[in-house]
Amino acid sequence: DDFKASVAMAGLADGVSVEELFSHANTGGSTELDYTEFLAVALQEMHMEKEDLCLQAFCLIDKDKDGNITVADLKKAFRNSSNDQMQQLSSEEVQEMLCEADADGDGVVNFADFINMFSRRP
């Protein structure tokens, strides 16, 4: 019952039964979930939510839906921005931004590059 209340309070039970969460999280096999097991479930859920938000943002920029963000995609996104500074970026500046995010050096930003960019620590 405590687990059900904690899951509901944390908002972790969307579309998944509490029993499923408990069995997945309970790596020790006991009838109780320890704090570490609960934290593991909560952190995994937060990671999945972050990845979902990143995917939504990625799809907004990837206008041609080819799975890659190109200089053209970025320029188009910046032109449609309400931020004056973003609208005025030169092609060279946009290319530089893309290169910074392009972790695998293939000239485009794929979703893995995009996630990696947001995972970096300043």
PDB file of N, CA and C in Angstrom:
ATOM      1  N   ASP A   1       0.811  -1.204   0.000  1.00  0.00           N
ATOM      2  CA  ASP A   1       0.000   0.000   0.000  1.00  0.00           C
ATOM      3  C   ASP A   1       0.853   1.266   0.000  1.00  0.00           C
ATOM      4  N   ASP A   2       1.945   1.239   0.763  1.00  0.00           N
ATOM      5  CA  ASP A   2       2.855   2.375   0.762  1.00  0.00           C
ATOM      6  C   ASP A   2       3.458   2.567  -0.627  1.00  0.00           C
ATOM      7  N   PHE A   3       3.803   1.443  -1.264  1.00  0.00           N
ATOM      8  CA  PHE A   3       4.373   1.508  -2.615  1.00  0.00           C
ATOM      9  C   PHE A   3       3.364   2.116  -3.572  1.00  0.00           C
ATOM     10  N   LYS A   4       2.091   1.686  -3.513  1.00  0.00           N
ATOM     11  CA  LYS A   4       1.053   2.227  -4.397  1.00  0.00           C
ATOM     12  C   LYS A   4       0.907   3.732  -4.191  1.00  0.00           C
ATOM     13  N   ALA A   5       0.915   4.163  -2.936  1.00  0.00           N
ATOM     14  CA  ALA A   5       0.773   5.588  -2.649  1.00  0.00           C
ATOM     15  C   ALA A   5       1.974   6.368  -3.173  1.00  0.00           C
ATOM     16  N   SER A   6       3.172   5.838  -2.991  1.00  0.00           N
ATOM     17  CA  SER A   6       4.384   6.513  -3.469  1.00  0.00           C
ATOM     18  C   SER A   6       4.409   6.598  -4.983  1.00  0.00           C
ATOM     19  N   VAL A   7       4.001   5.524  -5.647  1.00  0.00           N
ATOM     20  CA  VAL A   7       3.971   5.506  -7.110  1.00  0.00           C
ATOM     21  C   VAL A   7       2.975   6.533  -7.627  1.00  0.00           C
ATOM     22  N   ALA A   8       1.807   6.580  -7.009  1.00  0.00           N
ATOM     23  CA  ALA A   8       0.795   7.551  -7.430  1.00  0.00           C
ATOM     24  C   ALA A   8       1.279   8.973  -7.206  1.00  0.00           C
ATOM     25  N   MET A   9       1.913   9.226  -6.059  1.00  0.00           N
ATOM     26  CA  MET A   9       2.401  10.564  -5.745  1.00  0.00           C
ATOM     27  C   MET A   9       3.511  10.977  -6.718  1.00  0.00           C
ATOM     28  N   ALA A  10       4.337  10.041  -7.125  1.00  0.00           N
ATOM     29  CA  ALA A  10       5.445  10.346  -8.035  1.00  0.00           C
ATOM     30  C   ALA A  10       4.992  10.398  -9.492  1.00  0.00           C
ATOM     31  N   GLY A  11       3.747   9.977  -9.765  1.00  0.00           N
ATOM     32  CA  GLY A  11       3.240   9.990 -11.133  1.00  0.00           C
ATOM     33  C   GLY A  11       3.893   8.942 -12.019  1.00  0.00           C
ATOM     34  N   LEU A  12       4.263   7.805 -11.453  1.00  0.00           N
ATOM     35  CA  LEU A  12       4.982   6.784 -12.212  1.00  0.00           C
ATOM     36  C   LEU A  12       4.085   5.702 -12.799  1.00  0.00           C
ATOM     37  N   ALA A  13       2.807   5.700 -12.508  1.00  0.00           N
ATOM     38  CA  ALA A  13       1.968   4.566 -12.898  1.00  0.00           C
ATOM     39  C   ALA A  13       1.166   4.792 -14.166  1.00  0.00           C
ATOM     40  N   ASP A  14       1.544   5.756 -14.994  1.00  0.00           N
ATOM     41  CA  ASP A  14       0.810   6.010 -16.227  1.00  0.00           C
ATOM     42  C   ASP A  14       0.866   4.805 -17.154  1.00  0.00           C
ATOM     43  N   GLY A  15      -0.264   4.141 -17.347  1.00  0.00           N
ATOM     44  CA  GLY A  15      -0.364   3.039 -18.289  1.00  0.00           C
ATOM     45  C   GLY A  15       0.287   1.748 -17.835  1.00  0.00           C
ATOM     46  N   VAL A  16       0.794   1.688 -16.628  1.00  0.00           N
ATOM     47  CA  VAL A  16       1.437   0.488 -16.121  1.00  0.00           C
ATOM     48  C   VAL A  16       0.841   0.177 -14.753  1.00  0.00           C
ATOM     49  N   SER A  17       0.546  -1.095 -14.499  1.00  0.00           N
ATOM     50  CA  SER A  17      -0.012  -1.440 -13.199  1.00  0.00           C
ATOM     51  C   SER A  17       1.065  -1.335 -12.128  1.00  0.00           C
ATOM     52  N   VAL A  18       0.626  -1.045 -10.935  1.00  0.00           N
ATOM     53  CA  VAL A  18       1.543  -0.923  -9.808  1.00  0.00           C
ATOM     54  C   VAL A  18       2.235  -2.264  -9.569  1.00  0.00           C
ATOM     55  N   GLU A  19       1.508  -3.348  -9.790  1.00  0.00           N
ATOM     56  CA  GLU A  19       2.097  -4.683  -9.607  1.00  0.00           C
ATOM     57  C   GLU A  19       3.248  -4.910 -10.592  1.00  0.00           C
ATOM     58  N   GLU A  20       3.078  -4.442 -11.831  1.00  0.00           N
ATOM     59  CA  GLU A  20       4.147  -4.579 -12.823  1.00  0.00           C
ATOM     60  C   GLU A  20       5.382  -3.785 -12.399  1.00  0.00           C
ATOM     61  N   LEU A  21       5.156  -2.551 -11.948  1.00  0.00           N
ATOM     62  CA  LEU A  21       6.276  -1.734 -11.479  1.00  0.00           C
ATOM     63  C   LEU A  21       6.985  -2.396 -10.309  1.00  0.00           C
ATOM     64  N   PHE A  22       6.202  -2.920  -9.375  1.00  0.00           N
ATOM     65  CA  PHE A  22       6.777  -3.550  -8.189  1.00  0.00           C
ATOM     66  C   PHE A  22       7.620  -4.756  -8.579  1.00  0.00           C
ATOM     67  N   SER A  23       7.076  -5.615  -9.447  1.00  0.00           N
ATOM     68  CA  SER A  23       7.827  -6.819  -9.809  1.00  0.00           C
ATOM     69  C   SER A  23       9.090  -6.481 -10.595  1.00  0.00           C
ATOM     70  N   HIS A  24       9.027  -5.436 -11.407  1.00  0.00           N
ATOM     71  CA  HIS A  24      10.203  -5.009 -12.171  1.00  0.00           C
ATOM     72  C   HIS A  24      11.264  -4.405 -11.250  1.00  0.00           C
ATOM     73  N   ALA A  25      10.815  -3.638 -10.282  1.00  0.00           N
ATOM     74  CA  ALA A  25      11.737  -2.925  -9.403  1.00  0.00           C
ATOM     75  C   ALA A  25      12.299  -3.806  -8.294  1.00  0.00           C
ATOM     76  N   ASN A  26      11.551  -4.822  -7.915  1.00  0.00           N
ATOM     77  CA  ASN A  26      11.935  -5.639  -6.769  1.00  0.00           C
ATOM     78  C   ASN A  26      12.972  -6.679  -7.177  1.00  0.00           C
ATOM     79  N   THR A  27      14.211  -6.258  -7.253  1.00  0.00           N
ATOM     80  CA  THR A  27      15.281  -7.154  -7.685  1.00  0.00           C
ATOM     81  C   THR A  27      15.696  -8.129  -6.586  1.00  0.00           C
ATOM     82  N   GLY A  28      15.357  -7.812  -5.349  1.00  0.00           N
ATOM     83  CA  GLY A  28      15.732  -8.682  -4.234  1.00  0.00           C
ATOM     84  C   GLY A  28      14.792  -9.852  -4.037  1.00  0.00           C
ATOM     85  N   GLY A  29      13.617  -9.828  -4.651  1.00  0.00           N
ATOM     86  CA  GLY A  29      12.673 -10.933  -4.540  1.00  0.00           C
ATOM     87  C   GLY A  29      11.876 -10.971  -3.256  1.00  0.00           C
ATOM     88  N   SER A  30      12.000  -9.955  -2.420  1.00  0.00           N
ATOM     89  CA  SER A  30      11.241  -9.947  -1.166  1.00  0.00           C
ATOM     90  C   SER A  30       9.842  -9.401  -1.416  1.00  0.00           C
ATOM     91  N   THR A  31       9.056  -9.336  -0.362  1.00  0.00           N
ATOM     92  CA  THR A  31       7.711  -8.770  -0.473  1.00  0.00           C
ATOM     93  C   THR A  31       7.721  -7.269  -0.247  1.00  0.00           C
ATOM     94  N   GLU A  32       8.907  -6.728   0.005  1.00  0.00           N
ATOM     95  CA  GLU A  32       9.047  -5.292   0.214  1.00  0.00           C
ATOM     96  C   GLU A  32      10.047  -4.721  -0.780  1.00  0.00           C
ATOM     97  N   LEU A  33       9.855  -3.472  -1.096  1.00  0.00           N
ATOM     98  CA  LEU A  33      10.746  -2.776  -2.015  1.00  0.00           C
ATOM     99  C   LEU A  33      11.616  -1.848  -1.187  1.00  0.00           C
ATOM    100  N   ASP A  34      12.923  -1.984  -1.329  1.00  0.00           N
ATOM    101  CA  ASP A  34      13.771  -1.082  -0.555  1.00  0.00           C
ATOM    102  C   ASP A  34      13.920   0.246  -1.290  1.00  0.00           C
ATOM    103  N   TYR A  35      14.506   1.198  -0.598  1.00  0.00           N
ATOM    104  CA  TYR A  35      14.635   2.560  -1.108  1.00  0.00           C
ATOM    105  C   TYR A  35      15.423   2.609  -2.414  1.00  0.00           C
ATOM    106  N   THR A  36      16.489   1.856  -2.504  1.00  0.00           N
ATOM    107  CA  THR A  36      17.327   1.835  -3.698  1.00  0.00           C
ATOM    108  C   THR A  36      16.550   1.326  -4.901  1.00  0.00           C
ATOM    109  N   GLU A  37      15.763   0.276  -4.705  1.00  0.00           N
ATOM    110  CA  GLU A  37      14.951  -0.269  -5.794  1.00  0.00           C
ATOM    111  C   GLU A  37      13.914   0.760  -6.265  1.00  0.00           C
ATOM    112  N   PHE A  38      13.294   1.442  -5.314  1.00  0.00           N
ATOM    113  CA  PHE A  38      12.310   2.464  -5.675  1.00  0.00           C
ATOM    114  C   PHE A  38      12.967   3.604  -6.453  1.00  0.00           C
ATOM    115  N   LEU A  39      14.133   4.056  -5.981  1.00  0.00           N
ATOM    116  CA  LEU A  39      14.849   5.125  -6.682  1.00  0.00           C
ATOM    117  C   LEU A  39      15.220   4.712  -8.104  1.00  0.00           C
ATOM    118  N   ALA A  40      15.605   3.463  -8.291  1.00  0.00           N
ATOM    119  CA  ALA A  40      15.962   2.978  -9.631  1.00  0.00           C
ATOM    120  C   ALA A  40      14.774   3.100 -10.576  1.00  0.00           C
ATOM    121  N   VAL A  41      13.590   2.745 -10.112  1.00  0.00           N
ATOM    122  CA  VAL A  41      12.383   2.864 -10.947  1.00  0.00           C
ATOM    123  C   VAL A  41      12.089   4.329 -11.239  1.00  0.00           C
ATOM    124  N   ALA A  42      12.178   5.174 -10.231  1.00  0.00           N
ATOM    125  CA  ALA A  42      11.886   6.596 -10.418  1.00  0.00           C
ATOM    126  C   ALA A  42      12.866   7.242 -11.395  1.00  0.00           C
ATOM    127  N   LEU A  43      14.145   6.931 -11.273  1.00  0.00           N
ATOM    128  CA  LEU A  43      15.154   7.506 -12.170  1.00  0.00           C
ATOM    129  C   LEU A  43      14.973   7.015 -13.602  1.00  0.00           C
ATOM    130  N   GLN A  44      14.633   5.745 -13.752  1.00  0.00           N
ATOM    131  CA  GLN A  44      14.393   5.211 -15.095  1.00  0.00           C
ATOM    132  C   GLN A  44      13.208   5.927 -15.742  1.00  0.00           C
ATOM    133  N   GLU A  45      12.167   6.159 -14.988  1.00  0.00           N
ATOM    134  CA  GLU A  45      10.981   6.853 -15.516  1.00  0.00           C
ATOM    135  C   GLU A  45      11.336   8.285 -15.901  1.00  0.00           C
ATOM    136  N   MET A  46      12.122   8.969 -15.076  1.00  0.00           N
ATOM    137  CA  MET A  46      12.523  10.339 -15.397  1.00  0.00           C
ATOM    138  C   MET A  46      13.364  10.372 -16.667  1.00  0.00           C
ATOM    139  N   HIS A  47      14.242   9.386 -16.829  1.00  0.00           N
ATOM    140  CA  HIS A  47      15.073   9.304 -18.036  1.00  0.00           C
ATOM    141  C   HIS A  47      14.192   9.109 -19.270  1.00  0.00           C
ATOM    142  N   MET A  48      13.195   8.249 -19.166  1.00  0.00           N
ATOM    143  CA  MET A  48      12.306   7.989 -20.307  1.00  0.00           C
ATOM    144  C   MET A  48      11.501   9.233 -20.662  1.00  0.00           C
ATOM    145  N   GLU A  49      11.057   9.980 -19.658  1.00  0.00           N
ATOM    146  CA  GLU A  49      10.326  11.211 -19.923  1.00  0.00           C
ATOM    147  C   GLU A  49      11.212  12.236 -20.603  1.00  0.00           C
ATOM    148  N   LYS A  50      12.454  12.355 -20.159  1.00  0.00           N
ATOM    149  CA  LYS A  50      13.401  13.289 -20.767  1.00  0.00           C
ATOM    150  C   LYS A  50      13.647  12.907 -22.226  1.00  0.00           C
ATOM    151  N   GLU A  51      13.817  11.615 -22.470  1.00  0.00           N
ATOM    152  CA  GLU A  51      14.052  11.157 -23.835  1.00  0.00           C
ATOM    153  C   GLU A  51      12.839  11.436 -24.717  1.00  0.00           C
ATOM    154  N   ASP A  52      11.643  11.277 -24.179  1.00  0.00           N
ATOM    155  CA  ASP A  52      10.427  11.564 -24.940  1.00  0.00           C
ATOM    156  C   ASP A  52      10.345  13.047 -25.294  1.00  0.00           C
ATOM    157  N   LEU A  53      10.686  13.920 -24.353  1.00  0.00           N
ATOM    158  CA  LEU A  53      10.695  15.357 -24.635  1.00  0.00           C
ATOM    159  C   LEU A  53      11.742  15.703 -25.692  1.00  0.00           C
ATOM    160  N   CYS A  54      12.893  15.071 -25.605  1.00  0.00           N
ATOM    161  CA  CYS A  54      13.939  15.294 -26.610  1.00  0.00           C
ATOM    162  C   CYS A  54      13.470  14.837 -27.983  1.00  0.00           C
ATOM    163  N   LEU A  55      12.776  13.704 -28.047  1.00  0.00           N
ATOM    164  CA  LEU A  55      12.265  13.214 -29.325  1.00  0.00           C
ATOM    165  C   LEU A  55      11.258  14.198 -29.921  1.00  0.00           C
ATOM    166  N   GLN A  56      10.402  14.751 -29.091  1.00  0.00           N
ATOM    167  CA  GLN A  56       9.438  15.739 -29.579  1.00  0.00           C
ATOM    168  C   GLN A  56      10.152  16.969 -30.139  1.00  0.00           C
ATOM    169  N   ALA A  57      11.161  17.444 -29.417  1.00  0.00           N
ATOM    170  CA  ALA A  57      11.926  18.607 -29.889  1.00  0.00           C
ATOM    171  C   ALA A  57      12.676  18.268 -31.173  1.00  0.00           C
ATOM    172  N   PHE A  58      13.267  17.090 -31.228  1.00  0.00           N
ATOM    173  CA  PHE A  58      14.007  16.647 -32.414  1.00  0.00           C
ATOM    174  C   PHE A  58      13.073  16.638 -33.629  1.00  0.00           C
ATOM    175  N   CYS A  59      11.892  16.097 -33.467  1.00  0.00           N
ATOM    176  CA  CYS A  59      10.928  16.010 -34.573  1.00  0.00           C
ATOM    177  C   CYS A  59      10.465  17.387 -35.048  1.00  0.00           C
ATOM    178  N   LEU A  60      10.408  18.349 -34.143  1.00  0.00           N
ATOM    179  CA  LEU A  60      10.039  19.713 -34.540  1.00  0.00           C
ATOM    180  C   LEU A  60      11.101  20.338 -35.440  1.00  0.00           C
ATOM    181  N   ILE A  61      12.359  19.997 -35.195  1.00  0.00           N
ATOM    182  CA  ILE A  61      13.451  20.569 -35.980  1.00  0.00           C
ATOM    183  C   ILE A  61      13.679  19.782 -37.267  1.00  0.00           C
ATOM    184  N   ASP A  62      13.515  18.473 -37.217  1.00  0.00           N
ATOM    185  CA  ASP A  62      13.725  17.601 -38.380  1.00  0.00           C
ATOM    186  C   ASP A  62      12.518  17.714 -39.315  1.00  0.00           C
ATOM    187  N   LYS A  63      12.465  18.819 -40.048  1.00  0.00           N
ATOM    188  CA  LYS A  63      11.296  19.141 -40.866  1.00  0.00           C
ATOM    189  C   LYS A  63      11.002  18.113 -41.955  1.00  0.00           C
ATOM    190  N   ASP A  64      12.040  17.530 -42.562  1.00  0.00           N
ATOM    191  CA  ASP A  64      11.798  16.575 -43.647  1.00  0.00           C
ATOM    192  C   ASP A  64      11.637  15.142 -43.137  1.00  0.00           C
ATOM    193  N   LYS A  65      11.695  14.973 -41.830  1.00  0.00           N
ATOM    194  CA  LYS A  65      11.449  13.696 -41.158  1.00  0.00           C
ATOM    195  C   LYS A  65      12.345  12.569 -41.667  1.00  0.00           C
ATOM    196  N   ASP A  66      13.608  12.882 -41.963  1.00  0.00           N
ATOM    197  CA  ASP A  66      14.531  11.855 -42.440  1.00  0.00           C
ATOM    198  C   ASP A  66      15.387  11.272 -41.316  1.00  0.00           C
ATOM    199  N   GLY A  67      15.127  11.699 -40.073  1.00  0.00           N
ATOM    200  CA  GLY A  67      15.874  11.177 -38.938  1.00  0.00           C
ATOM    201  C   GLY A  67      17.177  11.900 -38.667  1.00  0.00           C
ATOM    202  N   ASN A  68      17.416  12.986 -39.392  1.00  0.00           N
ATOM    203  CA  ASN A  68      18.630  13.775 -39.208  1.00  0.00           C
ATOM    204  C   ASN A  68      18.294  15.254 -39.225  1.00  0.00           C
ATOM    205  N   ILE A  69      18.996  16.002 -38.401  1.00  0.00           N
ATOM    206  CA  ILE A  69      18.881  17.453 -38.435  1.00  0.00           C
ATOM    207  C   ILE A  69      20.053  17.976 -39.247  1.00  0.00           C
ATOM    208  N   THR A  70      19.738  18.701 -40.297  1.00  0.00           N
ATOM    209  CA  THR A  70      20.748  19.277 -41.179  1.00  0.00           C
ATOM    210  C   THR A  70      20.838  20.778 -40.935  1.00  0.00           C
ATOM    211  N   VAL A  71      21.807  21.425 -41.584  1.00  0.00           N
ATOM    212  CA  VAL A  71      21.924  22.878 -41.503  1.00  0.00           C
ATOM    213  C   VAL A  71      20.628  23.515 -41.991  1.00  0.00           C
ATOM    214  N   ALA A  72      20.073  22.975 -43.076  1.00  0.00           N
ATOM    215  CA  ALA A  72      18.821  23.520 -43.617  1.00  0.00           C
ATOM    216  C   ALA A  72      17.683  23.404 -42.609  1.00  0.00           C
ATOM    217  N   ASP A  73      17.601  22.259 -41.924  1.00  0.00           N
ATOM    218  CA  ASP A  73      16.567  22.088 -40.894  1.00  0.00           C
ATOM    219  C   ASP A  73      16.733  23.118 -39.785  1.00  0.00           C
ATOM    220  N   LEU A  74      17.979  23.308 -39.330  1.00  0.00           N
ATOM    221  CA  LEU A  74      18.234  24.275 -38.260  1.00  0.00           C
ATOM    222  C   LEU A  74      17.906  25.696 -38.704  1.00  0.00           C
ATOM    223  N   LYS A  75      18.331  26.054 -39.918  1.00  0.00           N
ATOM    224  CA  LYS A  75      18.055  27.406 -40.417  1.00  0.00           C
ATOM    225  C   LYS A  75      16.553  27.655 -40.495  1.00  0.00           C
ATOM    226  N   LYS A  76      15.816  26.658 -40.959  1.00  0.00           N
ATOM    227  CA  LYS A  76      14.363  26.787 -41.056  1.00  0.00           C
ATOM    228  C   LYS A  76      13.740  26.957 -39.668  1.00  0.00           C
ATOM    229  N   ALA A  77      14.218  26.174 -38.708  1.00  0.00           N
ATOM    230  CA  ALA A  77      13.704  26.270 -37.336  1.00  0.00           C
ATOM    231  C   ALA A  77      14.014  27.640 -36.742  1.00  0.00           C
ATOM    232  N   PHE A  78      15.231  28.130 -36.990  1.00  0.00           N
ATOM    233  CA  PHE A  78      15.608  29.436 -36.457  1.00  0.00           C
ATOM    234  C   PHE A  78      14.828  30.565 -37.127  1.00  0.00           C
ATOM    235  N   ARG A  79      14.581  30.449 -38.425  1.00  0.00           N
ATOM    236  CA  ARG A  79      13.786  31.470 -39.132  1.00  0.00           C
ATOM    237  C   ARG A  79      12.375  31.561 -38.560  1.00  0.00           C
ATOM    238  N   ASN A  80      11.838  30.418 -38.133  1.00  0.00           N
ATOM    239  CA  ASN A  80      10.479  30.381 -37.584  1.00  0.00           C
ATOM    240  C   ASN A  80      10.435  30.714 -36.097  1.00  0.00           C
ATOM    241  N   SER A  81      11.582  30.990 -35.518  1.00  0.00           N
ATOM    242  CA  SER A  81      11.678  31.309 -34.100  1.00  0.00           C
ATOM    243  C   SER A  81      11.182  32.729 -33.839  1.00  0.00           C
ATOM    244  N   SER A  82      10.692  32.950 -32.641  1.00  0.00           N
ATOM    245  CA  SER A  82      10.287  34.307 -32.259  1.00  0.00           C
ATOM    246  C   SER A  82      11.472  35.098 -31.710  1.00  0.00           C
ATOM    247  N   ASN A  83      12.617  34.456 -31.605  1.00  0.00           N
ATOM    248  CA  ASN A  83      13.822  35.089 -31.085  1.00  0.00           C
ATOM    249  C   ASN A  83      14.570  35.767 -32.237  1.00  0.00           C
ATOM    250  N   ASP A  84      14.702  37.081 -32.179  1.00  0.00           N
ATOM    251  CA  ASP A  84      15.363  37.850 -33.244  1.00  0.00           C
ATOM    252  C   ASP A  84      16.801  37.413 -33.478  1.00  0.00           C
ATOM    253  N   GLN A  85      17.534  37.129 -32.400  1.00  0.00           N
ATOM    254  CA  GLN A  85      18.930  36.714 -32.546  1.00  0.00           C
ATOM    255  C   GLN A  85      19.026  35.380 -33.291  1.00  0.00           C
ATOM    256  N   MET A  86      18.126  34.465 -33.010  1.00  0.00           N
ATOM    257  CA  MET A  86      18.132  33.174 -33.694  1.00  0.00           C
ATOM    258  C   MET A  86      17.835  33.360 -35.182  1.00  0.00           C
ATOM    259  N   GLN A  87      16.912  34.245 -35.488  1.00  0.00           N
ATOM    260  CA  GLN A  87      16.539  34.484 -36.879  1.00  0.00           C
ATOM    261  C   GLN A  87      17.695  35.058 -37.687  1.00  0.00           C
ATOM    262  N   GLN A  88      18.597  35.754 -37.029  1.00  0.00           N
ATOM    263  CA  GLN A  88      19.677  36.447 -37.728  1.00  0.00           C
ATOM    264  C   GLN A  88      20.997  35.679 -37.764  1.00  0.00           C
ATOM    265  N   LEU A  89      21.013  34.433 -37.316  1.00  0.00           N
ATOM    266  CA  LEU A  89      22.252  33.651 -37.351  1.00  0.00           C
ATOM    267  C   LEU A  89      22.683  33.409 -38.794  1.00  0.00           C
ATOM    268  N   SER A  90      23.978  33.525 -39.032  1.00  0.00           N
ATOM    269  CA  SER A  90      24.505  33.277 -40.369  1.00  0.00           C
ATOM    270  C   SER A  90      24.582  31.772 -40.628  1.00  0.00           C
ATOM    271  N   SER A  91      24.739  31.398 -41.876  1.00  0.00           N
ATOM    272  CA  SER A  91      24.903  29.987 -42.233  1.00  0.00           C
ATOM    273  C   SER A  91      26.109  29.381 -41.532  1.00  0.00           C
ATOM    274  N   GLU A  92      27.171  30.173 -41.405  1.00  0.00           N
ATOM    275  CA  GLU A  92      28.380  29.694 -40.740  1.00  0.00           C
ATOM    276  C   GLU A  92      28.130  29.414 -39.256  1.00  0.00           C
ATOM    277  N   GLU A  93      27.371  30.291 -38.613  1.00  0.00           N
ATOM    278  CA  GLU A  93      27.053  30.095 -37.198  1.00  0.00           C
ATOM    279  C   GLU A  93      26.184  28.860 -37.002  1.00  0.00           C
ATOM    280  N   VAL A  94      25.233  28.665 -37.895  1.00  0.00           N
ATOM    281  CA  VAL A  94      24.365  27.490 -37.815  1.00  0.00           C
ATOM    282  C   VAL A  94      25.192  26.224 -38.036  1.00  0.00           C
ATOM    283  N   GLN A  95      26.100  26.263 -39.012  1.00  0.00           N
ATOM    284  CA  GLN A  95      26.979  25.124 -39.285  1.00  0.00           C
ATOM    285  C   GLN A  95      27.840  24.802 -38.066  1.00  0.00           C
ATOM    286  N   GLU A  96      28.334  25.831 -37.400  1.00  0.00           N
ATOM    287  CA  GLU A  96      29.149  25.640 -36.204  1.00  0.00           C
ATOM    288  C   GLU A  96      28.329  24.972 -35.098  1.00  0.00           C
ATOM    289  N   MET A  97      27.093  25.389 -34.933  1.00  0.00           N
ATOM    290  CA  MET A  97      26.211  24.775 -33.927  1.00  0.00           C
ATOM    291  C   MET A  97      25.997  23.301 -34.234  1.00  0.00           C
ATOM    292  N   LEU A  98      25.755  23.016 -35.505  1.00  0.00           N
ATOM    293  CA  LEU A  98      25.523  21.638 -35.913  1.00  0.00           C
ATOM    294  C   LEU A  98      26.771  20.795 -35.650  1.00  0.00           C
ATOM    295  N   CYS A  99      27.929  21.321 -35.976  1.00  0.00           N
ATOM    296  CA  CYS A  99      29.178  20.586 -35.756  1.00  0.00           C
ATOM    297  C   CYS A  99      29.409  20.283 -34.282  1.00  0.00           C
ATOM    298  N   GLU A 100      29.047  21.210 -33.412  1.00  0.00           N
ATOM    299  CA  GLU A 100      29.204  20.993 -31.973  1.00  0.00           C
ATOM    300  C   GLU A 100      28.334  19.845 -31.483  1.00  0.00           C
ATOM    301  N   ALA A 101      27.151  19.687 -32.084  1.00  0.00           N
ATOM    302  CA  ALA A 101      26.222  18.642 -31.661  1.00  0.00           C
ATOM    303  C   ALA A 101      26.467  17.314 -32.369  1.00  0.00           C
ATOM    304  N   ASP A 102      27.179  17.345 -33.486  1.00  0.00           N
ATOM    305  CA  ASP A 102      27.402  16.159 -34.310  1.00  0.00           C
ATOM    306  C   ASP A 102      28.504  15.285 -33.718  1.00  0.00           C
ATOM    307  N   ALA A 103      28.136  14.454 -32.754  1.00  0.00           N
ATOM    308  CA  ALA A 103      29.122  13.655 -32.018  1.00  0.00           C
ATOM    309  C   ALA A 103      29.838  12.635 -32.892  1.00  0.00           C
ATOM    310  N   ASP A 104      29.167  12.079 -33.891  1.00  0.00           N
ATOM    311  CA  ASP A 104      29.801  11.037 -34.699  1.00  0.00           C
ATOM    312  C   ASP A 104      30.462  11.576 -35.967  1.00  0.00           C
ATOM    313  N   GLY A 105      30.383  12.901 -36.182  1.00  0.00           N
ATOM    314  CA  GLY A 105      31.101  13.537 -37.276  1.00  0.00           C
ATOM    315  C   GLY A 105      30.596  13.237 -38.671  1.00  0.00           C
ATOM    316  N   ASP A 106      29.327  12.846 -38.803  1.00  0.00           N
ATOM    317  CA  ASP A 106      28.802  12.518 -40.133  1.00  0.00           C
ATOM    318  C   ASP A 106      28.149  13.702 -40.849  1.00  0.00           C
ATOM    319  N   GLY A 107      28.223  14.881 -40.240  1.00  0.00           N
ATOM    320  CA  GLY A 107      27.712  16.082 -40.895  1.00  0.00           C
ATOM    321  C   GLY A 107      26.263  16.405 -40.618  1.00  0.00           C
ATOM    322  N   VAL A 108      25.582  15.547 -39.874  1.00  0.00           N
ATOM    323  CA  VAL A 108      24.184  15.775 -39.487  1.00  0.00           C
ATOM    324  C   VAL A 108      24.045  15.406 -38.013  1.00  0.00           C
ATOM    325  N   VAL A 109      22.948  15.833 -37.416  1.00  0.00           N
ATOM    326  CA  VAL A 109      22.665  15.476 -36.022  1.00  0.00           C
ATOM    327  C   VAL A 109      21.536  14.455 -36.035  1.00  0.00           C
ATOM    328  N   ASN A 110      21.871  13.215 -35.674  1.00  0.00           N
ATOM    329  CA  ASN A 110      20.823  12.204 -35.545  1.00  0.00           C
ATOM    330  C   ASN A 110      20.299  12.234 -34.112  1.00  0.00           C
ATOM    331  N   PHE A 111      19.325  11.383 -33.806  1.00  0.00           N
ATOM    332  CA  PHE A 111      18.715  11.442 -32.481  1.00  0.00           C
ATOM    333  C   PHE A 111      19.722  11.107 -31.379  1.00  0.00           C
ATOM    334  N   ALA A 112      20.635  10.177 -31.639  1.00  0.00           N
ATOM    335  CA  ALA A 112      21.650   9.841 -30.632  1.00  0.00           C
ATOM    336  C   ALA A 112      22.543  11.049 -30.345  1.00  0.00           C
ATOM    337  N   ASP A 113      22.930  11.782 -31.396  1.00  0.00           N
ATOM    338  CA  ASP A 113      23.718  13.005 -31.208  1.00  0.00           C
ATOM    339  C   ASP A 113      22.922  14.018 -30.383  1.00  0.00           C
ATOM    340  N   PHE A 114      21.645  14.141 -30.701  1.00  0.00           N
ATOM    341  CA  PHE A 114      20.759  15.107 -30.047  1.00  0.00           C
ATOM    342  C   PHE A 114      20.659  14.800 -28.552  1.00  0.00           C
ATOM    343  N   ILE A 115      20.419  13.523 -28.209  1.00  0.00           N
ATOM    344  CA  ILE A 115      20.349  13.113 -26.811  1.00  0.00           C
ATOM    345  C   ILE A 115      21.686  13.370 -26.126  1.00  0.00           C
ATOM    346  N   ASN A 116      22.762  13.022 -26.793  1.00  0.00           N
ATOM    347  CA  ASN A 116      24.100  13.216 -26.238  1.00  0.00           C
ATOM    348  C   ASN A 116      24.357  14.684 -25.921  1.00  0.00           C
ATOM    349  N   MET A 117      23.888  15.558 -26.806  1.00  0.00           N
ATOM    350  CA  MET A 117      24.090  16.992 -26.610  1.00  0.00           C
ATOM    351  C   MET A 117      23.418  17.463 -25.314  1.00  0.00           C
ATOM    352  N   PHE A 118      22.237  16.939 -25.019  1.00  0.00           N
ATOM    353  CA  PHE A 118      21.523  17.364 -23.823  1.00  0.00           C
ATOM    354  C   PHE A 118      22.006  16.640 -22.563  1.00  0.00           C
ATOM    355  N   SER A 119      22.772  15.581 -22.750  1.00  0.00           N
ATOM    356  CA  SER A 119      23.286  14.824 -21.613  1.00  0.00           C
ATOM    357  C   SER A 119      24.621  15.337 -21.119  1.00  0.00           C
ATOM    358  N   ARG A 120      25.276  16.143 -21.915  1.00  0.00           N
ATOM    359  CA  ARG A 120      26.592  16.675 -21.546  1.00  0.00           C
ATOM    360  C   ARG A 120      26.466  17.610 -20.363  1.00  0.00           C
ATOM    361  N   ARG A 121      27.473  17.586 -19.552  1.00  0.00           N
ATOM    362  CA  ARG A 121      27.540  18.521 -18.415  1.00  0.00           C
ATOM    363  C   ARG A 121      28.329  19.738 -18.847  1.00  0.00           C
ATOM    364  N   PRO A 122      27.865  20.944 -18.453  1.00  0.00           N
ATOM    365  CA  PRO A 122      28.598  22.169 -18.828  1.00  0.00           C
ATOM    366  C   PRO A 122      29.961  22.269 -18.179  1.00  0.00           C
TER     367      PRO A 122
END
